[in-house]
Amino acid sequence: MRFPTLQVLKRSSSSSAPGAGRAPVVIRRHGAFTRLWHWVNAACLVVLLMSGLQIFNAHPALYWGKDSSFDAPALSIRAMSGSDGEPRGITRLGNHRFDTTGVLGVSGPIDARERRAFPAWATLPGPRWLAAGRQWHFLAGWLFAPLLIAYLLYLVLSGQLHRRLLPRRHEWRTLGHVVTEHLRLRFPRGEEARHYNLLQKLAYLLVLFVVMPLVVLTGLTMSPTMDAAWPWLLDVFGGRQSARTLHFLCALALVGFFLIHIVLVLVSGVVNNLRSMITGRYVLPSETAPEKEAQDD
């Protein structure tokens, strides 16, 4: 997450006048707490995802409601024998069936196919080990949840939420333009790069205040201990099976966000973006120079 500040660390003495000799403008874009949270949170999410897939493999089906309707799952990933006697991976989504052999249901080398919902490379640990997967999941989860609460409180109490993330009324008129520019891989430059655009604000608000809290709450709903302490969780999410399905969907949403985030970091200036999340220093891209100059010191 990037929260630019107005502090300028380096600027040419003639920066007010246009010209080719203008020195790059460097701003302090991320505070120490934001940078620490970003990297610890990224590590937690990787462990949570991979260990969560290991747990899912123990019963690779999702349902809606309070009980498991084995004959009519909302989603299932299983292995079945084909007409040639070889195992086939079958993914079922509602009434639709897809052959996903080699990726889901059945995976691994052709001469050593393994029957498992998600392949070994995507799970933690790789072998079939449910107990270890649960331990990894809980370890990362009990680190992820308090850090998320702390970060949300930081955004609110520091005023960053109001100053950096809440959209202004006039920004809504630019939504179509911003979406078009992103699809064309054209990113803000110069002074515009100091602040989030509307699309960034909406994405971060959705992930931070909706998807991530839902991941935590639905995860708690699947715990019998938490259900005994907070029985209202089951009512809110319509039962343990619905909570499990929502938990899975929120995890997929985070994966989608993560992949898009990585792609945009790469195409908008990987060196500049990584440096800003490691040291806090970010070079404002020139309004006239090529994109690659955003990666220069």
Protein backbone atom coordinates (compact mmCIF):
# COMPACT_ATOMS: atom_id res chain seq x y z
CA MET A 1 0.00 0.00 0.00
CA ARG A 2 1.38 3.44 -0.88
CA PHE A 3 0.59 6.56 1.12
CA PRO A 4 2.48 9.48 -0.42
CA THR A 5 3.27 12.49 1.71
CA LEU A 6 3.92 16.09 0.77
CA GLN A 7 7.48 15.98 2.06
CA VAL A 8 9.96 16.62 -0.74
CA LEU A 9 13.39 15.15 -0.07
CA LYS A 10 15.21 16.40 -3.17
CA ARG A 11 14.31 19.07 -5.72
CA SER A 12 16.20 21.19 -8.21
CA SER A 13 16.71 24.85 -7.19
CA SER A 14 15.10 25.82 -10.49
CA SER A 15 12.22 23.34 -10.26
CA SER A 16 9.65 26.07 -10.78
CA ALA A 17 10.89 26.71 -14.30
CA PRO A 18 10.42 24.17 -17.05
CA GLY A 19 13.52 22.75 -18.65
CA ALA A 20 15.54 19.68 -19.35
CA GLY A 21 17.97 20.39 -16.49
CA ARG A 22 15.43 19.90 -13.73
CA ALA A 23 16.60 17.48 -11.06
CA PRO A 24 14.32 14.57 -10.13
CA VAL A 25 11.86 15.22 -7.33
CA VAL A 26 12.06 12.66 -4.54
CA ILE A 27 9.30 12.39 -1.94
CA ARG A 28 8.91 10.32 1.21
CA ARG A 29 6.08 8.08 0.08
CA HIS A 30 5.79 5.48 2.83
CA GLY A 31 6.32 5.67 6.56
CA ALA A 32 8.18 2.95 8.46
CA PHE A 33 5.00 1.42 9.89
CA THR A 34 3.37 1.17 6.46
CA ARG A 35 6.46 -0.47 4.96
CA LEU A 36 6.77 -2.98 7.79
CA TRP A 37 3.06 -3.82 7.64
CA HIS A 38 3.18 -4.24 3.87
CA TRP A 39 5.93 -6.87 3.88
CA VAL A 40 4.75 -8.78 6.95
CA ASN A 41 1.20 -8.75 5.59
CA ALA A 42 2.40 -10.04 2.19
CA ALA A 43 4.24 -12.92 3.86
CA CYS A 44 1.20 -13.76 5.98
CA LEU A 45 -1.09 -13.81 2.96
CA VAL A 46 1.20 -16.18 1.05
CA VAL A 47 1.32 -18.60 4.00
CA LEU A 48 -2.44 -18.28 4.59
CA LEU A 49 -3.24 -19.00 0.94
CA MET A 50 -0.96 -22.01 0.56
CA SER A 51 -1.88 -23.56 3.91
CA GLY A 52 -5.55 -22.81 3.24
CA LEU A 53 -5.39 -24.80 0.00
CA GLN A 54 -3.85 -27.66 1.97
CA ILE A 55 -6.83 -27.56 4.34
CA PHE A 56 -9.25 -27.33 1.42
CA ASN A 57 -7.71 -30.45 -0.12
CA ALA A 58 -8.90 -32.48 2.88
CA HIS A 59 -12.50 -31.87 1.73
CA PRO A 60 -12.40 -30.24 -1.74
CA ALA A 61 -15.99 -29.01 -1.92
CA LEU A 62 -17.92 -25.89 -0.93
CA TYR A 63 -21.56 -25.49 0.07
CA TRP A 64 -24.10 -22.83 1.00
CA GLY A 65 -26.03 -22.95 4.26
CA LYS A 66 -25.50 -24.68 7.57
CA ASP A 67 -24.94 -28.24 6.34
CA SER A 68 -22.91 -30.04 3.68
CA SER A 69 -25.10 -31.06 0.73
CA PHE A 70 -22.78 -33.69 -0.70
CA ASP A 71 -24.97 -34.33 -3.75
CA ALA A 72 -25.15 -30.66 -4.76
CA PRO A 73 -21.99 -28.73 -3.83
CA ALA A 74 -21.53 -25.17 -5.00
CA LEU A 75 -18.01 -26.12 -6.01
CA SER A 76 -16.06 -29.37 -5.99
CA ILE A 77 -12.69 -30.49 -7.29
CA ARG A 78 -12.32 -34.24 -7.52
CA ALA A 79 -10.56 -37.04 -9.35
CA MET A 80 -12.54 -39.56 -11.41
CA SER A 81 -11.55 -42.46 -13.62
CA GLY A 82 -11.90 -41.74 -17.33
CA SER A 83 -13.08 -44.10 -20.03
CA ASP A 84 -9.48 -45.22 -20.51
CA GLY A 85 -9.15 -46.01 -16.80
CA GLU A 86 -6.80 -43.09 -16.21
CA PRO A 87 -7.64 -40.56 -13.45
CA ARG A 88 -9.18 -37.29 -14.63
CA GLY A 89 -9.47 -34.06 -12.66
CA ILE A 90 -13.08 -32.83 -12.67
CA THR A 91 -13.99 -29.39 -11.36
CA ARG A 92 -17.71 -28.87 -10.82
CA LEU A 93 -19.18 -25.38 -10.47
CA GLY A 94 -22.89 -25.63 -9.82
CA ASN A 95 -24.28 -27.75 -12.67
CA HIS A 96 -21.24 -27.23 -14.89
CA ARG A 97 -18.36 -29.72 -15.11
CA PHE A 98 -14.86 -29.00 -16.43
CA ASP A 99 -11.95 -31.33 -17.12
CA THR A 100 -9.02 -29.75 -15.25
CA THR A 101 -6.59 -32.67 -15.36
CA GLY A 102 -3.03 -31.56 -14.80
CA VAL A 103 -4.04 -28.49 -12.79
CA LEU A 104 -6.94 -29.28 -10.46
CA GLY A 105 -8.13 -32.68 -9.28
CA VAL A 106 -5.26 -34.62 -10.80
CA SER A 107 -1.80 -33.09 -11.14
CA GLY A 108 1.89 -33.89 -11.24
CA PRO A 109 4.13 -35.49 -13.87
CA ILE A 110 2.30 -37.55 -16.50
CA ASP A 111 3.98 -40.74 -15.33
CA ALA A 112 3.19 -40.02 -11.67
CA ARG A 113 -0.23 -38.35 -11.53
CA GLU A 114 -1.51 -37.53 -8.04
CA ARG A 115 -5.15 -37.24 -7.02
CA ARG A 116 -5.50 -33.97 -5.09
CA ALA A 117 -7.64 -30.87 -5.54
CA PHE A 118 -4.82 -28.32 -5.66
CA PRO A 119 -1.33 -29.40 -6.78
CA ALA A 120 1.51 -29.92 -4.33
CA TRP A 121 3.41 -26.80 -5.46
CA ALA A 122 0.47 -24.59 -4.39
CA THR A 123 0.06 -25.99 -0.87
CA LEU A 124 1.94 -25.65 2.41
CA PRO A 125 3.33 -28.11 3.20
CA GLY A 126 3.57 -29.80 -0.21
CA PRO A 127 2.84 -33.36 0.97
CA ARG A 128 -0.60 -34.41 2.21
CA TRP A 129 -0.34 -33.15 5.78
CA LEU A 130 -3.55 -31.58 7.09
CA ALA A 131 -2.35 -31.06 10.66
CA ALA A 132 0.74 -29.14 9.56
CA GLY A 133 -1.35 -27.11 7.11
CA ARG A 134 -3.70 -26.09 9.92
CA GLN A 135 -0.77 -25.12 12.15
CA TRP A 136 0.73 -22.91 9.43
CA HIS A 137 -2.67 -21.38 8.76
CA PHE A 138 -3.38 -20.53 12.39
CA LEU A 139 0.14 -19.17 12.93
CA ALA A 140 -0.17 -16.75 10.02
CA GLY A 141 -3.81 -15.97 10.82
CA TRP A 142 -3.19 -14.91 14.40
CA LEU A 143 -0.45 -12.61 13.13
CA PHE A 144 -2.45 -11.28 10.19
CA ALA A 145 -5.64 -10.36 12.09
CA PRO A 146 -4.10 -8.17 14.86
CA LEU A 147 -1.87 -6.43 12.33
CA LEU A 148 -4.87 -5.70 10.12
CA ILE A 149 -6.76 -4.17 13.05
CA ALA A 150 -3.69 -2.12 14.01
CA TYR A 151 -3.27 -0.85 10.45
CA LEU A 152 -6.92 0.12 10.06
CA LEU A 153 -6.75 2.00 13.36
CA TYR A 154 -3.60 3.72 12.15
CA LEU A 155 -5.33 4.85 8.96
CA VAL A 156 -8.26 6.28 10.88
CA LEU A 157 -6.43 7.86 13.82
CA SER A 158 -3.59 9.34 11.76
CA GLY A 159 -6.00 10.93 9.30
CA GLN A 160 -4.54 8.96 6.39
CA LEU A 161 -7.93 7.47 5.62
CA HIS A 162 -9.50 10.88 5.09
CA ARG A 163 -6.53 12.49 3.37
CA ARG A 164 -5.41 9.64 1.11
CA LEU A 165 -8.19 7.11 0.56
CA LEU A 166 -11.62 8.70 0.76
CA PRO A 167 -12.69 9.85 -2.75
CA ARG A 168 -13.58 13.50 -3.26
CA ARG A 169 -16.80 14.41 -5.02
CA HIS A 170 -15.08 15.82 -8.11
CA GLU A 171 -13.02 12.64 -8.57
CA TRP A 172 -16.06 10.56 -9.52
CA ARG A 173 -16.24 12.45 -12.81
CA THR A 174 -12.80 11.10 -13.73
CA LEU A 175 -13.57 7.40 -13.19
CA GLY A 176 -14.03 6.55 -16.87
CA HIS A 177 -10.85 8.37 -17.82
CA VAL A 178 -8.84 6.70 -15.04
CA VAL A 179 -10.04 3.22 -16.03
CA THR A 180 -9.17 3.87 -19.67
CA GLU A 181 -5.70 5.14 -18.77
CA HIS A 182 -5.02 2.05 -16.64
CA LEU A 183 -6.15 -0.28 -19.42
CA ARG A 184 -3.72 1.50 -21.73
CA LEU A 185 -1.00 1.18 -19.07
CA ARG A 186 -0.67 4.95 -18.81
CA PHE A 187 0.06 6.07 -15.26
CA PRO A 188 0.08 9.45 -13.46
CA ARG A 189 3.23 11.52 -13.84
CA GLY A 190 4.64 14.60 -12.19
CA GLU A 191 2.48 16.18 -9.51
CA GLU A 192 -0.39 13.79 -10.23
CA ALA A 193 1.78 10.90 -9.08
CA ARG A 194 1.84 12.29 -5.52
CA HIS A 195 -1.70 11.10 -4.84
CA TYR A 196 -3.91 8.10 -5.43
CA ASN A 197 -6.36 8.28 -8.28
CA LEU A 198 -9.98 7.21 -7.85
CA LEU A 199 -9.44 3.64 -9.05
CA GLN A 200 -6.61 3.11 -6.57
CA LYS A 201 -8.66 4.54 -3.72
CA LEU A 202 -11.64 2.32 -4.44
CA ALA A 203 -9.45 -0.78 -4.76
CA TYR A 204 -7.63 -0.18 -1.47
CA LEU A 205 -10.84 0.70 0.38
CA LEU A 206 -12.49 -2.49 -0.86
CA VAL A 207 -9.54 -4.71 0.05
CA LEU A 208 -8.70 -3.11 3.41
CA PHE A 209 -12.18 -2.50 4.79
CA VAL A 210 -14.27 -5.24 3.14
CA VAL A 211 -12.34 -8.24 1.79
CA MET A 212 -9.69 -8.58 4.50
CA PRO A 213 -12.11 -8.14 7.43
CA LEU A 214 -14.42 -10.69 5.79
CA VAL A 215 -11.54 -13.16 5.57
CA VAL A 216 -10.93 -12.78 9.30
CA LEU A 217 -14.59 -12.96 10.35
CA THR A 218 -15.48 -15.93 8.14
CA GLY A 219 -12.37 -17.70 9.38
CA LEU A 220 -13.49 -17.17 12.97
CA THR A 221 -16.98 -18.42 12.07
CA MET A 222 -15.55 -21.81 11.11
CA SER A 223 -14.11 -22.25 14.61
CA PRO A 224 -16.41 -24.10 17.07
CA THR A 225 -14.73 -22.28 19.94
CA MET A 226 -15.47 -18.87 18.44
CA ASP A 227 -19.03 -19.95 17.62
CA ALA A 228 -19.56 -20.75 21.29
CA ALA A 229 -18.24 -17.33 22.30
CA TRP A 230 -19.83 -15.38 19.43
CA PRO A 231 -22.84 -17.39 18.18
CA TRP A 232 -24.03 -14.38 16.20
CA LEU A 233 -21.30 -15.08 13.64
CA LEU A 234 -23.21 -18.12 12.38
CA ASP A 235 -26.36 -16.02 11.96
CA VAL A 236 -24.51 -13.25 10.13
CA PHE A 237 -22.99 -15.59 7.54
CA GLY A 238 -25.83 -18.08 7.29
CA GLY A 239 -24.04 -21.07 8.77
CA ARG A 240 -20.57 -22.57 8.90
CA GLN A 241 -20.65 -23.89 5.33
CA SER A 242 -21.62 -20.51 3.90
CA ALA A 243 -18.82 -18.92 5.93
CA ARG A 244 -16.35 -21.45 4.48
CA THR A 245 -17.48 -20.64 0.94
CA LEU A 246 -17.24 -16.88 1.55
CA HIS A 247 -13.80 -17.40 3.09
CA PHE A 248 -12.68 -19.18 -0.09
CA LEU A 249 -14.14 -16.49 -2.38
CA CYS A 250 -12.49 -13.68 -0.40
CA ALA A 251 -9.18 -15.53 -0.64
CA LEU A 252 -9.61 -15.71 -4.43
CA ALA A 253 -10.37 -11.98 -4.49
CA LEU A 254 -7.13 -11.29 -2.61
CA VAL A 255 -5.20 -13.45 -5.08
CA GLY A 256 -6.70 -11.45 -7.94
CA PHE A 257 -5.81 -8.17 -6.25
CA PHE A 258 -2.30 -9.43 -5.51
CA LEU A 259 -1.68 -10.45 -9.14
CA ILE A 260 -2.97 -7.15 -10.55
CA HIS A 261 -0.95 -5.24 -7.96
CA ILE A 262 2.26 -7.06 -8.96
CA VAL A 263 1.65 -6.48 -12.68
CA LEU A 264 1.05 -2.75 -12.16
CA VAL A 265 4.16 -2.46 -9.99
CA LEU A 266 6.21 -4.06 -12.76
CA VAL A 267 4.86 -1.99 -15.64
CA SER A 268 4.78 1.37 -13.82
CA GLY A 269 8.42 1.28 -12.64
CA VAL A 270 9.53 -1.73 -10.62
CA VAL A 271 12.74 -0.20 -9.22
CA ASN A 272 11.06 3.02 -8.19
CA ASN A 273 8.10 1.21 -6.62
CA LEU A 274 10.20 -1.34 -4.74
CA ARG A 275 12.56 1.34 -3.46
CA SER A 276 9.63 3.34 -2.13
CA MET A 277 8.36 0.30 -0.21
CA ILE A 278 11.83 -0.50 1.17
CA THR A 279 13.31 2.93 1.90
CA GLY A 280 10.21 5.14 1.58
CA ARG A 281 11.85 7.27 -1.14
CA TYR A 282 9.94 7.67 -4.42
CA VAL A 283 11.02 9.59 -7.53
CA LEU A 284 8.12 11.42 -9.14
CA PRO A 285 8.00 10.37 -12.81
CA SER A 286 8.76 13.24 -15.15
CA GLU A 287 5.77 14.65 -17.00
CA THR A 288 7.69 14.57 -20.29
CA ALA A 289 10.31 11.82 -19.88
CA PRO A 290 9.75 8.20 -20.90
CA GLU A 291 8.36 5.78 -18.33
CA LYS A 292 11.76 4.20 -17.73
CA GLU A 293 13.02 7.40 -16.10
CA ALA A 294 10.73 6.67 -13.17
CA GLN A 295 13.17 3.92 -12.24
CA ASP A 296 16.24 6.19 -12.14
CA ASP A 297 17.61 7.82 -8.99
